[in-house]
Protein backbone atom coordinates (compact mmCIF):
# COMPACT_ATOMS: atom_id res chain seq x y z
CA UNK A 1 2.50 -19.41 13.44
CA UNK A 2 4.76 -17.75 15.96
CA UNK A 3 7.87 -16.09 14.57
CA UNK A 4 11.24 -16.97 16.03
CA UNK A 5 14.26 -14.68 15.82
CA UNK A 6 15.44 -16.34 12.59
CA UNK A 7 12.09 -15.78 10.88
CA UNK A 8 12.10 -12.16 12.02
CA UNK A 9 15.62 -11.64 10.73
CA UNK A 10 14.70 -13.19 7.35
CA UNK A 11 11.77 -10.78 7.14
CA UNK A 12 13.97 -7.81 8.06
CA UNK A 13 16.46 -8.74 5.34
CA UNK A 14 13.70 -9.15 2.75
CA UNK A 15 12.11 -5.84 3.74
CA UNK A 16 15.46 -4.17 3.19
CA UNK A 17 16.03 -5.93 -0.14
CA UNK A 18 13.35 -8.27 -1.50
CA UNK A 19 15.72 -9.47 -4.22
CA UNK A 20 18.19 -11.11 -1.84
CA UNK A 21 18.85 -14.71 -2.80
CA UNK A 22 18.34 -17.56 -0.37
CA UNK A 23 22.12 -18.06 -0.50
CA UNK A 24 22.78 -14.44 0.54
CA UNK A 25 20.24 -14.65 3.36
CA UNK A 26 21.74 -17.96 4.44
CA UNK A 27 25.24 -16.44 4.59
CA UNK A 28 23.95 -13.60 6.75
CA UNK A 29 22.16 -15.99 9.15
CA UNK A 30 24.50 -18.97 8.94
CA UNK A 31 21.80 -21.16 7.36
CA UNK A 32 21.73 -23.29 4.24
CA UNK A 33 19.94 -22.10 1.12
CA UNK A 34 17.43 -24.94 1.55
CA UNK A 35 16.66 -23.93 5.17
CA UNK A 36 16.07 -20.33 4.12
CA UNK A 37 13.88 -21.42 1.20
CA UNK A 38 11.77 -23.61 3.49
CA UNK A 39 11.33 -20.80 6.02
CA UNK A 40 10.36 -18.29 3.31
CA UNK A 41 7.86 -20.77 1.83
CA UNK A 42 6.37 -21.34 5.28
CA UNK A 43 6.09 -17.56 5.82
CA UNK A 44 4.29 -17.34 2.48
CA UNK A 45 2.00 -20.28 3.20
CA UNK A 46 1.06 -18.78 6.57
CA UNK A 47 0.19 -15.48 4.88
CA UNK A 48 2.90 -13.55 6.75
CA UNK A 49 4.58 -12.74 3.44
CA UNK A 50 1.69 -11.75 1.21
CA UNK A 51 3.69 -11.11 -1.95
CA UNK A 52 6.96 -9.85 -3.36
CA UNK A 53 6.73 -6.59 -5.26
CA UNK A 54 8.66 -3.56 -6.44
CA UNK A 55 8.37 -0.02 -5.04
CA UNK A 56 8.29 2.64 -7.75
CA UNK A 57 9.09 6.30 -7.20
CA UNK A 58 5.83 7.86 -8.42
CA UNK A 59 7.41 11.20 -9.36
CA UNK A 60 10.01 9.53 -11.59
CA UNK A 61 7.21 7.96 -13.65
CA UNK A 62 5.25 11.19 -14.03
CA UNK A 63 2.86 10.95 -11.07
CA UNK A 64 3.79 14.36 -9.68
CA UNK A 65 0.71 15.14 -7.56
CA UNK A 66 -0.05 13.08 -4.47
CA UNK A 67 -3.33 13.75 -2.69
CA UNK A 68 -4.93 12.32 0.42
CA UNK A 69 -8.70 12.31 0.75
CA UNK A 70 -11.17 11.74 3.55
CA UNK A 71 -14.42 10.61 1.96
CA UNK A 72 -17.58 10.34 4.04
CA UNK A 73 -20.29 8.08 2.66
CA UNK A 74 -23.82 7.12 3.46
CA UNK A 75 -23.52 3.86 5.44
CA UNK A 76 -25.50 1.92 2.85
CA UNK A 77 -23.14 3.09 0.08
CA UNK A 78 -19.80 2.65 1.84
CA UNK A 79 -18.77 -0.72 0.38
CA UNK A 80 -19.88 0.13 -3.15
CA UNK A 81 -18.08 3.50 -3.08
CA UNK A 82 -14.94 1.86 -1.65
CA UNK A 83 -14.94 -0.83 -4.34
CA UNK A 84 -15.39 1.76 -7.11
CA UNK A 85 -12.54 3.86 -5.73
CA UNK A 86 -10.30 0.82 -5.22
CA UNK A 87 -10.79 -0.08 -8.90
CA UNK A 88 -9.74 3.40 -10.04
CA UNK A 89 -6.17 3.40 -11.44
CA UNK A 90 -5.44 6.81 -9.83
CA UNK A 91 -6.17 5.45 -6.34
CA UNK A 92 -2.98 4.10 -4.74
CA UNK A 93 -4.71 2.99 -1.52
CA UNK A 94 -8.15 3.09 0.03
CA UNK A 95 -9.01 2.21 3.65
CA UNK A 96 -12.12 2.28 5.80
CA UNK A 97 -11.33 4.31 8.89
CA UNK A 98 -13.07 4.77 12.21
CA UNK A 99 -15.69 7.46 12.18
CA UNK A 100 -18.96 7.93 10.38
CA UNK A 101 -18.49 5.71 7.32
CA UNK A 102 -15.20 7.33 6.38
CA UNK A 103 -12.75 6.22 3.71
CA UNK A 104 -9.14 7.37 3.63
CA UNK A 105 -7.67 7.41 0.17
CA UNK A 106 -4.31 8.18 -1.45
CA UNK A 107 -4.40 9.36 -5.06
CA UNK A 108 -1.50 9.76 -7.51
CA UNK A 109 -1.96 11.75 -10.72
CA UNK A 110 0.26 13.42 -13.31
CA UNK A 111 -0.66 17.03 -12.58
CA UNK A 112 -3.24 19.36 -11.05
CA UNK A 113 -5.40 19.29 -14.17
CA UNK A 114 -5.71 15.51 -13.83
CA UNK A 115 -6.39 15.90 -10.10
CA UNK A 116 -9.24 18.27 -10.87
CA UNK A 117 -10.56 15.84 -13.49
CA UNK A 118 -10.36 12.94 -11.01
CA UNK A 119 -12.22 14.91 -8.32
CA UNK A 120 -14.96 16.29 -10.59
CA UNK A 121 -15.51 13.41 -12.99
CA UNK A 122 -14.67 10.32 -10.97
CA UNK A 123 -14.97 11.08 -7.26
CA UNK A 124 -17.94 13.46 -7.19
CA UNK A 125 -19.74 11.28 -9.75
CA UNK A 126 -20.10 8.43 -7.23
CA UNK A 127 -23.49 8.11 -5.54
CA UNK A 128 -23.50 7.97 -1.75
CA UNK A 129 -20.62 10.35 -1.00
CA UNK A 130 -21.63 13.02 1.50
CA UNK A 131 -18.36 14.89 2.10
CA UNK A 132 -14.85 15.04 0.63
CA UNK A 133 -11.84 16.61 2.29
CA UNK A 134 -8.53 16.74 0.43
CA UNK A 135 -4.90 17.30 1.38
CA UNK A 136 -2.18 17.70 -1.22
CA UNK A 137 1.32 16.46 -0.42
CA UNK A 138 3.96 19.20 -0.52
CA UNK A 139 7.02 17.23 0.57
CA UNK A 140 7.66 13.66 1.71
CA UNK A 141 9.88 13.22 4.75
CA UNK A 142 9.42 9.48 5.16
CA UNK A 143 7.76 6.80 3.14
CA UNK A 144 7.88 3.16 4.03
CA UNK A 145 6.55 0.13 2.30
CA UNK A 146 5.92 -2.92 4.42
CA UNK A 147 5.96 -3.55 8.14
CA UNK A 148 9.10 -3.04 10.20
CA UNK A 149 9.63 -5.69 12.87
């Protein structure tokens, strides 16, 4: 599916506020509610809109420590390690990156004691990990959820 300017504008509006009604989007774009609904459904059916969700401020719900990890794995263990980490509730995101079987991971925990527990009891306990490098977030200057068009 190729996106026209109306589809792109609908996406921009939804990125800004995913709770906008079809009526409000229609007013902004001079379209009917039904036309907007059909376009949004088509964007969903095509997989362009994967889901609607909420973005939570992690610090306001007690997740005060944010860490980023580079995890090198034995090639034969990469997928299994990645799946185990992805299933861990402390892991906010986990990606395979270029390089020698490297995973990039973002972890959110309550405090440094829980970070230490995660590293020692959950991360280091996984078979196939050959190296772990960690970076702890000091201050966030920009955080964005979703793709900007």
